[in-house]
Amino acid sequence: MRGEVIADYAKNIEDPIEYERRFSVYLRRGLRPEALPSHFDEVKTRIEENSVE
């Protein structure tokens, strides 16, 4: 749910060309795939802080 599997997979890719190919959309948006879990937590916190009950 938090992108932990994707982050682990990204950490284990040794070929930089393969890494770029697999994660080009994330990288173009300025997001490292290894940071997905922390990014998810940040976004979730902002949503919770701004939600109206």
PDB file of N, CA and C in Angstrom:
ATOM      1  N   MET A   1       0.824  -1.190   0.000  1.00  0.00           N
ATOM      2  CA  MET A   1       0.000   0.000   0.000  1.00  0.00           C
ATOM      3  C   MET A   1       0.869   1.256   0.000  1.00  0.00           C
ATOM      4  N   ARG A   2       1.934   1.276   0.740  1.00  0.00           N
ATOM      5  CA  ARG A   2       2.777   2.460   0.866  1.00  0.00           C
ATOM      6  C   ARG A   2       3.911   2.490  -0.153  1.00  0.00           C
ATOM      7  N   GLY A   3       3.968   1.521  -1.038  1.00  0.00           N
ATOM      8  CA  GLY A   3       5.025   1.487  -2.042  1.00  0.00           C
ATOM      9  C   GLY A   3       6.308   0.832  -1.571  1.00  0.00           C
ATOM     10  N   GLU A   4       6.232   0.079  -0.501  1.00  0.00           N
ATOM     11  CA  GLU A   4       7.439  -0.549   0.045  1.00  0.00           C
ATOM     12  C   GLU A   4       8.040  -1.578  -0.909  1.00  0.00           C
ATOM     13  N   VAL A   5       7.205  -2.334  -1.592  1.00  0.00           N
ATOM     14  CA  VAL A   5       7.710  -3.342  -2.528  1.00  0.00           C
ATOM     15  C   VAL A   5       8.417  -2.653  -3.696  1.00  0.00           C
ATOM     16  N   ILE A   6       7.842  -1.574  -4.181  1.00  0.00           N
ATOM     17  CA  ILE A   6       8.458  -0.820  -5.276  1.00  0.00           C
ATOM     18  C   ILE A   6       9.789  -0.222  -4.817  1.00  0.00           C
ATOM     19  N   ALA A   7       9.810   0.343  -3.626  1.00  0.00           N
ATOM     20  CA  ALA A   7      11.040   0.930  -3.090  1.00  0.00           C
ATOM     21  C   ALA A   7      12.132  -0.130  -2.962  1.00  0.00           C
ATOM     22  N   ASP A   8      11.795  -1.296  -2.446  1.00  0.00           N
ATOM     23  CA  ASP A   8      12.775  -2.383  -2.308  1.00  0.00           C
ATOM     24  C   ASP A   8      13.281  -2.832  -3.676  1.00  0.00           C
ATOM     25  N   TYR A   9      12.373  -2.938  -4.635  1.00  0.00           N
ATOM     26  CA  TYR A   9      12.752  -3.344  -5.982  1.00  0.00           C
ATOM     27  C   TYR A   9      13.719  -2.324  -6.583  1.00  0.00           C
ATOM     28  N   ALA A  10      13.410  -1.039  -6.421  1.00  0.00           N
ATOM     29  CA  ALA A  10      14.265   0.020  -6.969  1.00  0.00           C
ATOM     30  C   ALA A  10      15.659  -0.030  -6.353  1.00  0.00           C
ATOM     31  N   LYS A  11      15.739  -0.320  -5.070  1.00  0.00           N
ATOM     32  CA  LYS A  11      17.040  -0.385  -4.396  1.00  0.00           C
ATOM     33  C   LYS A  11      17.905  -1.525  -4.927  1.00  0.00           C
ATOM     34  N   ASN A  12      17.275  -2.551  -5.460  1.00  0.00           N
ATOM     35  CA  ASN A  12      18.013  -3.728  -5.905  1.00  0.00           C
ATOM     36  C   ASN A  12      18.351  -3.745  -7.392  1.00  0.00           C
ATOM     37  N   ILE A  13      17.914  -2.748  -8.139  1.00  0.00           N
ATOM     38  CA  ILE A  13      18.271  -2.686  -9.563  1.00  0.00           C
ATOM     39  C   ILE A  13      19.687  -2.128  -9.672  1.00  0.00           C
ATOM     40  N   GLU A  14      20.563  -2.891 -10.258  1.00  0.00           N
ATOM     41  CA  GLU A  14      21.966  -2.494 -10.363  1.00  0.00           C
ATOM     42  C   GLU A  14      22.269  -1.741 -11.651  1.00  0.00           C
ATOM     43  N   ASP A  15      21.523  -2.000 -12.693  1.00  0.00           N
ATOM     44  CA  ASP A  15      21.767  -1.373 -13.987  1.00  0.00           C
ATOM     45  C   ASP A  15      21.081  -0.006 -14.042  1.00  0.00           C
ATOM     46  N   PRO A  16      21.858   1.096 -14.147  1.00  0.00           N
ATOM     47  CA  PRO A  16      21.244   2.420 -14.152  1.00  0.00           C
ATOM     48  C   PRO A  16      20.307   2.666 -15.334  1.00  0.00           C
ATOM     49  N   ILE A  17      20.570   2.041 -16.460  1.00  0.00           N
ATOM     50  CA  ILE A  17      19.691   2.201 -17.621  1.00  0.00           C
ATOM     51  C   ILE A  17      18.344   1.525 -17.343  1.00  0.00           C
ATOM     52  N   GLU A  18      18.385   0.352 -16.774  1.00  0.00           N
ATOM     53  CA  GLU A  18      17.150  -0.363 -16.412  1.00  0.00           C
ATOM     54  C   GLU A  18      16.372   0.413 -15.352  1.00  0.00           C
ATOM     55  N   TYR A  19      17.084   0.961 -14.382  1.00  0.00           N
ATOM     56  CA  TYR A  19      16.462   1.763 -13.321  1.00  0.00           C
ATOM     57  C   TYR A  19      15.717   2.951 -13.940  1.00  0.00           C
ATOM     58  N   GLU A  20      16.397   3.666 -14.831  1.00  0.00           N
ATOM     59  CA  GLU A  20      15.799   4.824 -15.504  1.00  0.00           C
ATOM     60  C   GLU A  20      14.585   4.404 -16.332  1.00  0.00           C
ATOM     61  N   ARG A  21      14.702   3.292 -17.029  1.00  0.00           N
ATOM     62  CA  ARG A  21      13.598   2.819 -17.882  1.00  0.00           C
ATOM     63  C   ARG A  21      12.383   2.457 -17.046  1.00  0.00           C
ATOM     64  N   ARG A  22      12.597   1.751 -15.968  1.00  0.00           N
ATOM     65  CA  ARG A  22      11.479   1.294 -15.137  1.00  0.00           C
ATOM     66  C   ARG A  22      10.805   2.419 -14.359  1.00  0.00           C
ATOM     67  N   PHE A  23      11.577   3.410 -13.957  1.00  0.00           N
ATOM     68  CA  PHE A  23      11.052   4.447 -13.063  1.00  0.00           C
ATOM     69  C   PHE A  23      11.078   5.843 -13.677  1.00  0.00           C
ATOM     70  N   SER A  24      11.062   5.935 -14.993  1.00  0.00           N
ATOM     71  CA  SER A  24      11.181   7.224 -15.670  1.00  0.00           C
ATOM     72  C   SER A  24      10.066   8.199 -15.295  1.00  0.00           C
ATOM     73  N   VAL A  25       8.855   7.719 -15.110  1.00  0.00           N
ATOM     74  CA  VAL A  25       7.743   8.615 -14.762  1.00  0.00           C
ATOM     75  C   VAL A  25       7.954   9.195 -13.365  1.00  0.00           C
ATOM     76  N   TYR A  26       8.318   8.374 -12.416  1.00  0.00           N
ATOM     77  CA  TYR A  26       8.616   8.866 -11.068  1.00  0.00           C
ATOM     78  C   TYR A  26       9.744   9.898 -11.114  1.00  0.00           C
ATOM     79  N   LEU A  27      10.816   9.563 -11.816  1.00  0.00           N
ATOM     80  CA  LEU A  27      11.995  10.416 -11.857  1.00  0.00           C
ATOM     81  C   LEU A  27      11.701  11.758 -12.533  1.00  0.00           C
ATOM     82  N   ARG A  28      10.905  11.753 -13.604  1.00  0.00           N
ATOM     83  CA  ARG A  28      10.521  13.006 -14.258  1.00  0.00           C
ATOM     84  C   ARG A  28       9.729  13.913 -13.332  1.00  0.00           C
ATOM     85  N   ARG A  29       9.011  13.330 -12.408  1.00  0.00           N
ATOM     86  CA  ARG A  29       8.218  14.110 -11.451  1.00  0.00           C
ATOM     87  C   ARG A  29       9.006  14.464 -10.194  1.00  0.00           C
ATOM     88  N   GLY A  30      10.289  14.123 -10.182  1.00  0.00           N
ATOM     89  CA  GLY A  30      11.150  14.478  -9.062  1.00  0.00           C
ATOM     90  C   GLY A  30      11.006  13.576  -7.853  1.00  0.00           C
ATOM     91  N   LEU A  31      10.502  12.379  -8.051  1.00  0.00           N
ATOM     92  CA  LEU A  31      10.299  11.446  -6.941  1.00  0.00           C
ATOM     93  C   LEU A  31      11.158  10.211  -7.137  1.00  0.00           C
ATOM     94  N   ARG A  32      12.016   9.956  -6.175  1.00  0.00           N
ATOM     95  CA  ARG A  32      12.831   8.743  -6.211  1.00  0.00           C
ATOM     96  C   ARG A  32      11.956   7.580  -5.759  1.00  0.00           C
ATOM     97  N   PRO A  33      11.934   6.486  -6.491  1.00  0.00           N
ATOM     98  CA  PRO A  33      11.085   5.357  -6.108  1.00  0.00           C
ATOM     99  C   PRO A  33      11.429   4.797  -4.730  1.00  0.00           C
ATOM    100  N   GLU A  34      12.679   4.947  -4.316  1.00  0.00           N
ATOM    101  CA  GLU A  34      13.075   4.472  -2.997  1.00  0.00           C
ATOM    102  C   GLU A  34      12.392   5.258  -1.885  1.00  0.00           C
ATOM    103  N   ALA A  35      11.906   6.447  -2.197  1.00  0.00           N
ATOM    104  CA  ALA A  35      11.279   7.326  -1.207  1.00  0.00           C
ATOM    105  C   ALA A  35       9.754   7.206  -1.181  1.00  0.00           C
ATOM    106  N   LEU A  36       9.196   6.275  -1.931  1.00  0.00           N
ATOM    107  CA  LEU A  36       7.737   6.155  -1.987  1.00  0.00           C
ATOM    108  C   LEU A  36       7.073   5.986  -0.617  1.00  0.00           C
ATOM    109  N   PRO A  37       7.577   5.127   0.267  1.00  0.00           N
ATOM    110  CA  PRO A  37       6.904   4.987   1.568  1.00  0.00           C
ATOM    111  C   PRO A  37       6.852   6.296   2.365  1.00  0.00           C
ATOM    112  N   SER A  38       7.948   7.038   2.392  1.00  0.00           N
ATOM    113  CA  SER A  38       7.930   8.300   3.144  1.00  0.00           C
ATOM    114  C   SER A  38       7.073   9.342   2.436  1.00  0.00           C
ATOM    115  N   HIS A  39       7.083   9.341   1.114  1.00  0.00           N
ATOM    116  CA  HIS A  39       6.229  10.265   0.362  1.00  0.00           C
ATOM    117  C   HIS A  39       4.757   9.953   0.642  1.00  0.00           C
ATOM    118  N   PHE A  40       4.403   8.695   0.643  1.00  0.00           N
ATOM    119  CA  PHE A  40       3.027   8.286   0.953  1.00  0.00           C
ATOM    120  C   PHE A  40       2.619   8.806   2.324  1.00  0.00           C
ATOM    121  N   ASP A  41       3.494   8.627   3.312  1.00  0.00           N
ATOM    122  CA  ASP A  41       3.183   9.087   4.673  1.00  0.00           C
ATOM    123  C   ASP A  41       2.995  10.605   4.725  1.00  0.00           C
ATOM    124  N   GLU A  42       3.836  11.345   4.005  1.00  0.00           N
ATOM    125  CA  GLU A  42       3.707  12.809   3.976  1.00  0.00           C
ATOM    126  C   GLU A  42       2.375  13.239   3.370  1.00  0.00           C
ATOM    127  N   VAL A  43       2.026  12.635   2.248  1.00  0.00           N
ATOM    128  CA  VAL A  43       0.769  12.982   1.583  1.00  0.00           C
ATOM    129  C   VAL A  43      -0.422  12.618   2.455  1.00  0.00           C
ATOM    130  N   LYS A  44      -0.368  11.450   3.063  1.00  0.00           N
ATOM    131  CA  LYS A  44      -1.457  11.021   3.934  1.00  0.00           C
ATOM    132  C   LYS A  44      -1.634  11.992   5.101  1.00  0.00           C
ATOM    133  N   THR A  45      -0.532  12.415   5.697  1.00  0.00           N
ATOM    134  CA  THR A  45      -0.589  13.358   6.818  1.00  0.00           C
ATOM    135  C   THR A  45      -1.209  14.678   6.381  1.00  0.00           C
ATOM    136  N   ARG A  46      -0.807  15.191   5.206  1.00  0.00           N
ATOM    137  CA  ARG A  46      -1.381  16.453   4.710  1.00  0.00           C
ATOM    138  C   ARG A  46      -2.873  16.319   4.452  1.00  0.00           C
ATOM    139  N   ILE A  47      -3.289  15.188   3.919  1.00  0.00           N
ATOM    140  CA  ILE A  47      -4.717  14.966   3.665  1.00  0.00           C
ATOM    141  C   ILE A  47      -5.485  14.940   4.980  1.00  0.00           C
ATOM    142  N   GLU A  48      -4.950  14.217   5.955  1.00  0.00           N
ATOM    143  CA  GLU A  48      -5.609  14.134   7.248  1.00  0.00           C
ATOM    144  C   GLU A  48      -5.698  15.497   7.951  1.00  0.00           C
ATOM    145  N   GLU A  49      -4.642  16.295   7.820  1.00  0.00           N
ATOM    146  CA  GLU A  49      -4.633  17.614   8.436  1.00  0.00           C
ATOM    147  C   GLU A  49      -5.641  18.563   7.789  1.00  0.00           C
ATOM    148  N   ASN A  50      -5.894  18.364   6.510  1.00  0.00           N
ATOM    149  CA  ASN A  50      -6.769  19.277   5.771  1.00  0.00           C
ATOM    150  C   ASN A  50      -8.182  18.752   5.574  1.00  0.00           C
ATOM    151  N   SER A  51      -8.456  17.567   6.080  1.00  0.00           N
ATOM    152  CA  SER A  51      -9.793  17.002   5.891  1.00  0.00           C
ATOM    153  C   SER A  51     -10.790  17.661   6.836  1.00  0.00           C
ATOM    154  N   VAL A  52     -11.966  17.829   6.328  1.00  0.00           N
ATOM    155  CA  VAL A  52     -13.051  18.414   7.114  1.00  0.00           C
ATOM    156  C   VAL A  52     -13.939  17.292   7.613  1.00  0.00           C
ATOM    157  N   GLU A  53     -14.187  17.301   8.887  1.00  0.00           N
ATOM    158  CA  GLU A  53     -15.010  16.233   9.446  1.00  0.00           C
ATOM    159  C   GLU A  53     -16.459  16.603   9.443  1.00  0.00           C
TER     160      GLU A  53
END
